[in-house]
mmCIF file of all heavy atoms, coordinates in Angstrom:
data_MODEL
# 
_entry.id   MODEL 
# 
loop_
_atom_site.group_PDB 
_atom_site.id 
_atom_site.type_symbol 
_atom_site.label_atom_id 
_atom_site.label_alt_id 
_atom_site.label_comp_id 
_atom_site.label_asym_id 
_atom_site.label_entity_id 
_atom_site.label_seq_id 
_atom_site.pdbx_PDB_ins_code 
_atom_site.Cartn_x 
_atom_site.Cartn_y 
_atom_site.Cartn_z 
_atom_site.occupancy 
_atom_site.B_iso_or_equiv 
_atom_site.pdbx_formal_charge 
_atom_site.auth_seq_id 
_atom_site.auth_comp_id 
_atom_site.auth_asym_id 
_atom_site.auth_atom_id 
_atom_site.pdbx_PDB_model_num 
ATOM 1   N N   . PRO A 1 1  ? 17.735 41.326 -57.680 1.00 0.00 ? 1  PRO A N   1 
ATOM 2   C CA  . PRO A 1 1  ? 17.216 41.652 -59.033 1.00 0.00 ? 1  PRO A CA  1 
ATOM 3   C C   . PRO A 1 1  ? 16.919 40.371 -59.831 1.00 0.00 ? 1  PRO A C   1 
ATOM 4   O O   . PRO A 1 1  ? 17.633 39.342 -59.679 1.00 0.00 ? 1  PRO A O   1 
ATOM 5   C CB  . PRO A 1 1  ? 18.263 42.451 -59.723 1.00 0.00 ? 1  PRO A CB  1 
ATOM 6   C CG  . PRO A 1 1  ? 19.569 42.136 -58.929 1.00 0.00 ? 1  PRO A CG  1 
ATOM 7   C CD  . PRO A 1 1  ? 19.102 41.830 -57.537 1.00 0.00 ? 1  PRO A CD  1 
ATOM 8   N N   . ARG A 1 2  ? 15.939 40.375 -60.619 1.00 0.00 ? 2  ARG A N   1 
ATOM 9   C CA  . ARG A 1 2  ? 15.536 39.246 -61.415 1.00 0.00 ? 2  ARG A CA  1 
ATOM 10  C C   . ARG A 1 2  ? 16.650 38.987 -62.442 1.00 0.00 ? 2  ARG A C   1 
ATOM 11  O O   . ARG A 1 2  ? 17.273 39.921 -62.923 1.00 0.00 ? 2  ARG A O   1 
ATOM 12  C CB  . ARG A 1 2  ? 14.274 39.518 -62.186 1.00 0.00 ? 2  ARG A CB  1 
ATOM 13  C CG  . ARG A 1 2  ? 13.008 39.543 -61.433 1.00 0.00 ? 2  ARG A CG  1 
ATOM 14  C CD  . ARG A 1 2  ? 12.618 38.132 -60.975 1.00 0.00 ? 2  ARG A CD  1 
ATOM 15  N NE  . ARG A 1 2  ? 11.372 38.260 -60.181 1.00 0.00 ? 2  ARG A NE  1 
ATOM 16  C CZ  . ARG A 1 2  ? 10.773 37.190 -59.737 1.00 0.00 ? 2  ARG A CZ  1 
ATOM 17  N NH1 . ARG A 1 2  ? 11.359 36.005 -59.882 1.00 0.00 ? 2  ARG A NH1 1 
ATOM 18  N NH2 . ARG A 1 2  ? 9.671  37.256 -58.983 1.00 0.00 ? 2  ARG A NH2 1 
ATOM 19  N N   . PRO A 1 3  ? 17.078 37.640 -62.597 1.00 0.00 ? 3  PRO A N   1 
ATOM 20  C CA  . PRO A 1 3  ? 18.158 37.367 -63.616 1.00 0.00 ? 3  PRO A CA  1 
ATOM 21  C C   . PRO A 1 3  ? 17.733 37.821 -64.986 1.00 0.00 ? 3  PRO A C   1 
ATOM 22  O O   . PRO A 1 3  ? 16.543 37.757 -65.373 1.00 0.00 ? 3  PRO A O   1 
ATOM 23  C CB  . PRO A 1 3  ? 18.220 35.798 -63.466 1.00 0.00 ? 3  PRO A CB  1 
ATOM 24  C CG  . PRO A 1 3  ? 16.957 35.420 -62.869 1.00 0.00 ? 3  PRO A CG  1 
ATOM 25  C CD  . PRO A 1 3  ? 16.443 36.474 -62.023 1.00 0.00 ? 3  PRO A CD  1 
ATOM 26  N N   . GLU A 1 4  ? 18.685 38.272 -65.769 1.00 0.00 ? 4  GLU A N   1 
ATOM 27  C CA  . GLU A 1 4  ? 18.379 38.752 -67.145 1.00 0.00 ? 4  GLU A CA  1 
ATOM 28  C C   . GLU A 1 4  ? 17.904 37.653 -67.994 1.00 0.00 ? 4  GLU A C   1 
ATOM 29  O O   . GLU A 1 4  ? 17.157 37.753 -68.895 1.00 0.00 ? 4  GLU A O   1 
ATOM 30  C CB  . GLU A 1 4  ? 19.673 39.379 -67.703 1.00 0.00 ? 4  GLU A CB  1 
ATOM 31  C CG  . GLU A 1 4  ? 20.021 40.696 -67.060 1.00 0.00 ? 4  GLU A CG  1 
ATOM 32  C CD  . GLU A 1 4  ? 21.245 41.307 -67.623 1.00 0.00 ? 4  GLU A CD  1 
ATOM 33  O OE1 . GLU A 1 4  ? 21.725 40.761 -68.639 1.00 0.00 ? 4  GLU A OE1 1 
ATOM 34  O OE2 . GLU A 1 4  ? 21.646 42.457 -67.143 1.00 0.00 ? 4  GLU A OE2 1 
ATOM 35  N N   . ASP A 1 5  ? 18.392 36.392 -67.731 1.00 0.00 ? 5  ASP A N   1 
ATOM 36  C CA  . ASP A 1 5  ? 18.062 35.223 -68.436 1.00 0.00 ? 5  ASP A CA  1 
ATOM 37  C C   . ASP A 1 5  ? 16.848 34.529 -67.812 1.00 0.00 ? 5  ASP A C   1 
ATOM 38  O O   . ASP A 1 5  ? 17.087 33.822 -66.765 1.00 0.00 ? 5  ASP A O   1 
ATOM 39  C CB  . ASP A 1 5  ? 19.231 34.253 -68.579 1.00 0.00 ? 5  ASP A CB  1 
ATOM 40  C CG  . ASP A 1 5  ? 18.917 33.063 -69.513 1.00 0.00 ? 5  ASP A CG  1 
ATOM 41  O OD1 . ASP A 1 5  ? 17.745 32.943 -70.008 1.00 0.00 ? 5  ASP A OD1 1 
ATOM 42  O OD2 . ASP A 1 5  ? 19.868 32.280 -69.707 1.00 0.00 ? 5  ASP A OD2 1 
ATOM 43  N N   . PRO A 1 6  ? 15.588 34.587 -68.344 1.00 0.00 ? 6  PRO A N   1 
ATOM 44  C CA  . PRO A 1 6  ? 14.513 33.917 -67.679 1.00 0.00 ? 6  PRO A CA  1 
ATOM 45  C C   . PRO A 1 6  ? 14.608 32.382 -67.674 1.00 0.00 ? 6  PRO A C   1 
ATOM 46  O O   . PRO A 1 6  ? 13.899 31.698 -66.968 1.00 0.00 ? 6  PRO A O   1 
ATOM 47  C CB  . PRO A 1 6  ? 13.279 34.352 -68.552 1.00 0.00 ? 6  PRO A CB  1 
ATOM 48  C CG  . PRO A 1 6  ? 13.790 35.574 -69.149 1.00 0.00 ? 6  PRO A CG  1 
ATOM 49  C CD  . PRO A 1 6  ? 15.139 35.379 -69.487 1.00 0.00 ? 6  PRO A CD  1 
ATOM 50  N N   . GLY A 1 7  ? 15.600 31.830 -68.574 1.00 0.00 ? 7  GLY A N   1 
ATOM 51  C CA  . GLY A 1 7  ? 15.739 30.431 -68.462 1.00 0.00 ? 7  GLY A CA  1 
ATOM 52  C C   . GLY A 1 7  ? 16.613 29.870 -67.321 1.00 0.00 ? 7  GLY A C   1 
ATOM 53  O O   . GLY A 1 7  ? 16.709 28.637 -67.210 1.00 0.00 ? 7  GLY A O   1 
ATOM 54  N N   . VAL A 1 8  ? 16.983 30.812 -66.457 1.00 0.00 ? 8  VAL A N   1 
ATOM 55  C CA  . VAL A 1 8  ? 17.774 30.354 -65.213 1.00 0.00 ? 8  VAL A CA  1 
ATOM 56  C C   . VAL A 1 8  ? 16.816 30.018 -64.162 1.00 0.00 ? 8  VAL A C   1 
ATOM 57  O O   . VAL A 1 8  ? 15.957 30.832 -63.836 1.00 0.00 ? 8  VAL A O   1 
ATOM 58  C CB  . VAL A 1 8  ? 18.765 31.481 -64.801 1.00 0.00 ? 8  VAL A CB  1 
ATOM 59  C CG1 . VAL A 1 8  ? 19.445 31.093 -63.484 1.00 0.00 ? 8  VAL A CG1 1 
ATOM 60  C CG2 . VAL A 1 8  ? 19.796 31.782 -65.856 1.00 0.00 ? 8  VAL A CG2 1 
ATOM 61  N N   . PRO A 1 9  ? 16.900 28.758 -63.503 1.00 0.00 ? 9  PRO A N   1 
ATOM 62  C CA  . PRO A 1 9  ? 15.992 28.431 -62.461 1.00 0.00 ? 9  PRO A CA  1 
ATOM 63  C C   . PRO A 1 9  ? 16.194 29.358 -61.277 1.00 0.00 ? 9  PRO A C   1 
ATOM 64  O O   . PRO A 1 9  ? 17.234 29.804 -60.966 1.00 0.00 ? 9  PRO A O   1 
ATOM 65  C CB  . PRO A 1 9  ? 16.434 26.968 -62.182 1.00 0.00 ? 9  PRO A CB  1 
ATOM 66  C CG  . PRO A 1 9  ? 17.171 26.546 -63.340 1.00 0.00 ? 9  PRO A CG  1 
ATOM 67  C CD  . PRO A 1 9  ? 17.897 27.717 -63.868 1.00 0.00 ? 9  PRO A CD  1 
ATOM 68  N N   . GLN A 1 10 ? 14.993 29.625 -60.599 1.00 0.00 ? 10 GLN A N   1 
ATOM 69  C CA  . GLN A 1 10 ? 15.031 30.460 -59.378 1.00 0.00 ? 10 GLN A CA  1 
ATOM 70  C C   . GLN A 1 10 ? 14.712 29.805 -58.083 1.00 0.00 ? 10 GLN A C   1 
ATOM 71  O O   . GLN A 1 10 ? 15.011 30.206 -57.045 1.00 0.00 ? 10 GLN A O   1 
ATOM 72  C CB  . GLN A 1 10 ? 14.085 31.568 -59.632 1.00 0.00 ? 10 GLN A CB  1 
ATOM 73  C CG  . GLN A 1 10 ? 14.329 32.527 -60.723 1.00 0.00 ? 10 GLN A CG  1 
ATOM 74  C CD  . GLN A 1 10 ? 13.286 33.632 -60.927 1.00 0.00 ? 10 GLN A CD  1 
ATOM 75  O OE1 . GLN A 1 10 ? 12.444 33.857 -60.006 1.00 0.00 ? 10 GLN A OE1 1 
ATOM 76  N NE2 . GLN A 1 10 ? 13.358 34.363 -62.031 1.00 0.00 ? 10 GLN A NE2 1 
ATOM 77  N N   . TYR A 1 11 ? 14.092 28.608 -58.198 1.00 0.00 ? 11 TYR A N   1 
ATOM 78  C CA  . TYR A 1 11 ? 13.622 27.916 -56.946 1.00 0.00 ? 11 TYR A CA  1 
ATOM 79  C C   . TYR A 1 11 ? 14.202 26.488 -56.783 1.00 0.00 ? 11 TYR A C   1 
ATOM 80  O O   . TYR A 1 11 ? 13.835 25.850 -55.840 1.00 0.00 ? 11 TYR A O   1 
ATOM 81  C CB  . TYR A 1 11 ? 12.030 27.803 -57.124 1.00 0.00 ? 11 TYR A CB  1 
ATOM 82  C CG  . TYR A 1 11 ? 11.370 29.125 -57.294 1.00 0.00 ? 11 TYR A CG  1 
ATOM 83  C CD1 . TYR A 1 11 ? 10.790 29.488 -58.480 1.00 0.00 ? 11 TYR A CD1 1 
ATOM 84  C CD2 . TYR A 1 11 ? 11.417 30.080 -56.211 1.00 0.00 ? 11 TYR A CD2 1 
ATOM 85  C CE1 . TYR A 1 11 ? 10.119 30.646 -58.707 1.00 0.00 ? 11 TYR A CE1 1 
ATOM 86  C CE2 . TYR A 1 11 ? 10.702 31.340 -56.464 1.00 0.00 ? 11 TYR A CE2 1 
ATOM 87  C CZ  . TYR A 1 11 ? 10.140 31.590 -57.696 1.00 0.00 ? 11 TYR A CZ  1 
ATOM 88  O OH  . TYR A 1 11 ? 9.530  32.797 -57.892 1.00 0.00 ? 11 TYR A OH  1 
ATOM 89  N N   . LEU A 1 12 ? 15.054 26.062 -57.620 1.00 0.00 ? 12 LEU A N   1 
ATOM 90  C CA  . LEU A 1 12 ? 15.614 24.671 -57.494 1.00 0.00 ? 12 LEU A CA  1 
ATOM 91  C C   . LEU A 1 12 ? 16.738 24.593 -56.570 1.00 0.00 ? 12 LEU A C   1 
ATOM 92  O O   . LEU A 1 12 ? 17.869 24.575 -56.947 1.00 0.00 ? 12 LEU A O   1 
ATOM 93  C CB  . LEU A 1 12 ? 15.948 24.133 -58.875 1.00 0.00 ? 12 LEU A CB  1 
ATOM 94  C CG  . LEU A 1 12 ? 14.801 24.130 -59.964 1.00 0.00 ? 12 LEU A CG  1 
ATOM 95  C CD1 . LEU A 1 12 ? 15.333 23.448 -61.238 1.00 0.00 ? 12 LEU A CD1 1 
ATOM 96  C CD2 . LEU A 1 12 ? 13.569 23.369 -59.420 1.00 0.00 ? 12 LEU A CD2 1 
ATOM 97  N N   . ASP A 1 13 ? 16.402 24.663 -55.234 1.00 0.00 ? 13 ASP A N   1 
ATOM 98  C CA  . ASP A 1 13 ? 17.499 24.722 -54.232 1.00 0.00 ? 13 ASP A CA  1 
ATOM 99  C C   . ASP A 1 13 ? 18.058 23.337 -54.001 1.00 0.00 ? 13 ASP A C   1 
ATOM 100 O O   . ASP A 1 13 ? 17.303 22.412 -53.655 1.00 0.00 ? 13 ASP A O   1 
ATOM 101 C CB  . ASP A 1 13 ? 16.837 25.217 -52.961 1.00 0.00 ? 13 ASP A CB  1 
ATOM 102 C CG  . ASP A 1 13 ? 17.771 25.397 -51.825 1.00 0.00 ? 13 ASP A CG  1 
ATOM 103 O OD1 . ASP A 1 13 ? 19.010 25.186 -52.067 1.00 0.00 ? 13 ASP A OD1 1 
ATOM 104 O OD2 . ASP A 1 13 ? 17.407 25.668 -50.630 1.00 0.00 ? 13 ASP A OD2 1 
ATOM 105 N N   . GLU A 1 14 ? 19.374 23.180 -54.284 1.00 0.00 ? 14 GLU A N   1 
ATOM 106 C CA  . GLU A 1 14 ? 20.000 21.919 -54.127 1.00 0.00 ? 14 GLU A CA  1 
ATOM 107 C C   . GLU A 1 14 ? 19.925 21.424 -52.718 1.00 0.00 ? 14 GLU A C   1 
ATOM 108 O O   . GLU A 1 14 ? 19.974 20.190 -52.438 1.00 0.00 ? 14 GLU A O   1 
ATOM 109 C CB  . GLU A 1 14 ? 21.446 21.956 -54.615 1.00 0.00 ? 14 GLU A CB  1 
ATOM 110 C CG  . GLU A 1 14 ? 21.564 22.321 -56.135 1.00 0.00 ? 14 GLU A CG  1 
ATOM 111 C CD  . GLU A 1 14 ? 21.046 21.199 -57.048 1.00 0.00 ? 14 GLU A CD  1 
ATOM 112 O OE1 . GLU A 1 14 ? 21.109 20.050 -56.589 1.00 0.00 ? 14 GLU A OE1 1 
ATOM 113 O OE2 . GLU A 1 14 ? 20.669 21.513 -58.170 1.00 0.00 ? 14 GLU A OE2 1 
ATOM 114 N N   . GLY A 1 15 ? 19.990 22.362 -51.734 1.00 0.00 ? 15 GLY A N   1 
ATOM 115 C CA  . GLY A 1 15 ? 20.002 21.940 -50.352 1.00 0.00 ? 15 GLY A CA  1 
ATOM 116 C C   . GLY A 1 15 ? 18.708 21.292 -49.874 1.00 0.00 ? 15 GLY A C   1 
ATOM 117 O O   . GLY A 1 15 ? 18.637 20.656 -48.847 1.00 0.00 ? 15 GLY A O   1 
ATOM 118 N N   . ALA A 1 16 ? 17.593 21.450 -50.728 1.00 0.00 ? 16 ALA A N   1 
ATOM 119 C CA  . ALA A 1 16 ? 16.330 20.911 -50.301 1.00 0.00 ? 16 ALA A CA  1 
ATOM 120 C C   . ALA A 1 16 ? 16.230 19.436 -50.833 1.00 0.00 ? 16 ALA A C   1 
ATOM 121 O O   . ALA A 1 16 ? 15.191 18.874 -50.478 1.00 0.00 ? 16 ALA A O   1 
ATOM 122 C CB  . ALA A 1 16 ? 15.180 21.783 -50.912 1.00 0.00 ? 16 ALA A CB  1 
ATOM 123 N N   . LEU A 1 17 ? 17.153 18.905 -51.496 1.00 0.00 ? 17 LEU A N   1 
ATOM 124 C CA  . LEU A 1 17 ? 16.960 17.623 -52.057 1.00 0.00 ? 17 LEU A CA  1 
ATOM 125 C C   . LEU A 1 17 ? 16.983 16.485 -50.989 1.00 0.00 ? 17 LEU A C   1 
ATOM 126 O O   . LEU A 1 17 ? 16.403 15.431 -51.252 1.00 0.00 ? 17 LEU A O   1 
ATOM 127 C CB  . LEU A 1 17 ? 18.114 17.270 -53.002 1.00 0.00 ? 17 LEU A CB  1 
ATOM 128 C CG  . LEU A 1 17 ? 18.105 18.015 -54.427 1.00 0.00 ? 17 LEU A CG  1 
ATOM 129 C CD1 . LEU A 1 17 ? 19.410 17.847 -55.169 1.00 0.00 ? 17 LEU A CD1 1 
ATOM 130 C CD2 . LEU A 1 17 ? 16.891 17.592 -55.158 1.00 0.00 ? 17 LEU A CD2 1 
ATOM 131 N N   . GLU A 1 18 ? 17.409 16.810 -49.809 1.00 0.00 ? 18 GLU A N   1 
ATOM 132 C CA  . GLU A 1 18 ? 17.296 15.889 -48.666 1.00 0.00 ? 18 GLU A CA  1 
ATOM 133 C C   . GLU A 1 18 ? 15.906 15.695 -48.137 1.00 0.00 ? 18 GLU A C   1 
ATOM 134 O O   . GLU A 1 18 ? 15.611 14.716 -47.406 1.00 0.00 ? 18 GLU A O   1 
ATOM 135 C CB  . GLU A 1 18 ? 18.245 16.252 -47.539 1.00 0.00 ? 18 GLU A CB  1 
ATOM 136 C CG  . GLU A 1 18 ? 19.711 16.159 -47.939 1.00 0.00 ? 18 GLU A CG  1 
ATOM 137 C CD  . GLU A 1 18 ? 20.646 16.445 -46.809 1.00 0.00 ? 18 GLU A CD  1 
ATOM 138 O OE1 . GLU A 1 18 ? 20.169 16.664 -45.728 1.00 0.00 ? 18 GLU A OE1 1 
ATOM 139 O OE2 . GLU A 1 18 ? 21.928 16.588 -46.984 1.00 0.00 ? 18 GLU A OE2 1 
ATOM 140 N N   . SER A 1 19 ? 15.032 16.619 -48.455 1.00 0.00 ? 19 SER A N   1 
ATOM 141 C CA  . SER A 1 19 ? 13.648 16.628 -48.008 1.00 0.00 ? 19 SER A CA  1 
ATOM 142 C C   . SER A 1 19 ? 12.780 16.579 -49.194 1.00 0.00 ? 19 SER A C   1 
ATOM 143 O O   . SER A 1 19 ? 12.659 17.626 -49.949 1.00 0.00 ? 19 SER A O   1 
ATOM 144 C CB  . SER A 1 19 ? 13.351 17.856 -47.113 1.00 0.00 ? 19 SER A CB  1 
ATOM 145 O OG  . SER A 1 19 ? 11.975 17.913 -46.815 1.00 0.00 ? 19 SER A OG  1 
ATOM 146 N N   . ALA A 1 20 ? 12.205 15.402 -49.518 1.00 0.00 ? 20 ALA A N   1 
ATOM 147 C CA  . ALA A 1 20 ? 11.446 15.182 -50.785 1.00 0.00 ? 20 ALA A CA  1 
ATOM 148 C C   . ALA A 1 20 ? 10.308 16.218 -50.986 1.00 0.00 ? 20 ALA A C   1 
ATOM 149 O O   . ALA A 1 20 ? 10.222 16.779 -52.029 1.00 0.00 ? 20 ALA A O   1 
ATOM 150 C CB  . ALA A 1 20 ? 10.943 13.702 -50.865 1.00 0.00 ? 20 ALA A CB  1 
ATOM 151 N N   . ASN A 1 21 ? 9.534  16.384 -49.919 1.00 0.00 ? 21 ASN A N   1 
ATOM 152 C CA  . ASN A 1 21 ? 8.394  17.259 -50.081 1.00 0.00 ? 21 ASN A CA  1 
ATOM 153 C C   . ASN A 1 21 ? 8.787  18.703 -50.390 1.00 0.00 ? 21 ASN A C   1 
ATOM 154 O O   . ASN A 1 21 ? 8.135  19.370 -51.078 1.00 0.00 ? 21 ASN A O   1 
ATOM 155 C CB  . ASN A 1 21 ? 7.496  17.151 -48.810 1.00 0.00 ? 21 ASN A CB  1 
ATOM 156 C CG  . ASN A 1 21 ? 8.254  17.505 -47.563 1.00 0.00 ? 21 ASN A CG  1 
ATOM 157 O OD1 . ASN A 1 21 ? 8.188  18.661 -47.072 1.00 0.00 ? 21 ASN A OD1 1 
ATOM 158 N ND2 . ASN A 1 21 ? 8.908  16.492 -46.964 1.00 0.00 ? 21 ASN A ND2 1 
ATOM 159 N N   . VAL A 1 22 ? 9.898  19.119 -49.773 1.00 0.00 ? 22 VAL A N   1 
ATOM 160 C CA  . VAL A 1 22 ? 10.303 20.493 -49.985 1.00 0.00 ? 22 VAL A CA  1 
ATOM 161 C C   . VAL A 1 22 ? 10.837 20.630 -51.457 1.00 0.00 ? 22 VAL A C   1 
ATOM 162 O O   . VAL A 1 22 ? 10.591 21.587 -52.195 1.00 0.00 ? 22 VAL A O   1 
ATOM 163 C CB  . VAL A 1 22 ? 11.420 20.879 -49.049 1.00 0.00 ? 22 VAL A CB  1 
ATOM 164 C CG1 . VAL A 1 22 ? 11.984 22.269 -49.308 1.00 0.00 ? 22 VAL A CG1 1 
ATOM 165 C CG2 . VAL A 1 22 ? 10.940 20.878 -47.635 1.00 0.00 ? 22 VAL A CG2 1 
ATOM 166 N N   . ALA A 1 23 ? 11.635 19.612 -51.847 1.00 0.00 ? 23 ALA A N   1 
ATOM 167 C CA  . ALA A 1 23 ? 12.228 19.584 -53.230 1.00 0.00 ? 23 ALA A CA  1 
ATOM 168 C C   . ALA A 1 23 ? 11.063 19.589 -54.294 1.00 0.00 ? 23 ALA A C   1 
ATOM 169 O O   . ALA A 1 23 ? 11.212 20.251 -55.305 1.00 0.00 ? 23 ALA A O   1 
ATOM 170 C CB  . ALA A 1 23 ? 13.125 18.413 -53.416 1.00 0.00 ? 23 ALA A CB  1 
ATOM 171 N N   . LEU A 1 24 ? 10.033 18.852 -53.991 1.00 0.00 ? 24 LEU A N   1 
ATOM 172 C CA  . LEU A 1 24 ? 8.881  18.742 -54.982 1.00 0.00 ? 24 LEU A CA  1 
ATOM 173 C C   . LEU A 1 24 ? 8.162  20.063 -54.976 1.00 0.00 ? 24 LEU A C   1 
ATOM 174 O O   . LEU A 1 24 ? 7.758  20.457 -56.068 1.00 0.00 ? 24 LEU A O   1 
ATOM 175 C CB  . LEU A 1 24 ? 8.007  17.643 -54.581 1.00 0.00 ? 24 LEU A CB  1 
ATOM 176 C CG  . LEU A 1 24 ? 8.522  16.205 -54.750 1.00 0.00 ? 24 LEU A CG  1 
ATOM 177 C CD1 . LEU A 1 24 ? 7.570  15.157 -54.178 1.00 0.00 ? 24 LEU A CD1 1 
ATOM 178 C CD2 . LEU A 1 24 ? 8.777  15.886 -56.225 1.00 0.00 ? 24 LEU A CD2 1 
ATOM 179 N N   . ALA A 1 25 ? 8.002  20.731 -53.869 1.00 0.00 ? 25 ALA A N   1 
ATOM 180 C CA  . ALA A 1 25 ? 7.483  22.008 -53.861 1.00 0.00 ? 25 ALA A CA  1 
ATOM 181 C C   . ALA A 1 25 ? 8.287  22.996 -54.702 1.00 0.00 ? 25 ALA A C   1 
ATOM 182 O O   . ALA A 1 25 ? 7.720  23.901 -55.378 1.00 0.00 ? 25 ALA A O   1 
ATOM 183 C CB  . ALA A 1 25 ? 7.247  22.517 -52.454 1.00 0.00 ? 25 ALA A CB  1 
ATOM 184 N N   . ASN A 1 26 ? 9.558  22.901 -54.573 1.00 0.00 ? 26 ASN A N   1 
ATOM 185 C CA  . ASN A 1 26 ? 10.445 23.787 -55.378 1.00 0.00 ? 26 ASN A CA  1 
ATOM 186 C C   . ASN A 1 26 ? 10.278 23.532 -56.889 1.00 0.00 ? 26 ASN A C   1 
ATOM 187 O O   . ASN A 1 26 ? 10.176 24.451 -57.615 1.00 0.00 ? 26 ASN A O   1 
ATOM 188 C CB  . ASN A 1 26 ? 11.905 23.568 -54.948 1.00 0.00 ? 26 ASN A CB  1 
ATOM 189 C CG  . ASN A 1 26 ? 12.245 23.935 -53.623 1.00 0.00 ? 26 ASN A CG  1 
ATOM 190 O OD1 . ASN A 1 26 ? 11.479 24.755 -52.984 1.00 0.00 ? 26 ASN A OD1 1 
ATOM 191 N ND2 . ASN A 1 26 ? 13.404 23.553 -53.160 1.00 0.00 ? 26 ASN A ND2 1 
ATOM 192 N N   . ALA A 1 27 ? 10.213 22.232 -57.240 1.00 0.00 ? 27 ALA A N   1 
ATOM 193 C CA  . ALA A 1 27 ? 10.021 21.881 -58.622 1.00 0.00 ? 27 ALA A CA  1 
ATOM 194 C C   . ALA A 1 27 ? 8.695  22.386 -59.231 1.00 0.00 ? 27 ALA A C   1 
ATOM 195 O O   . ALA A 1 27 ? 8.602  22.783 -60.364 1.00 0.00 ? 27 ALA A O   1 
ATOM 196 C CB  . ALA A 1 27 ? 10.232 20.334 -58.834 1.00 0.00 ? 27 ALA A CB  1 
# 
């Protein structure tokens, strides 16, 4: 379910920070 607070990030996966192109796509 969608979070009640729209200010909560949905795509900023911390595990993707090791791969720059994936992290940038998330951002």
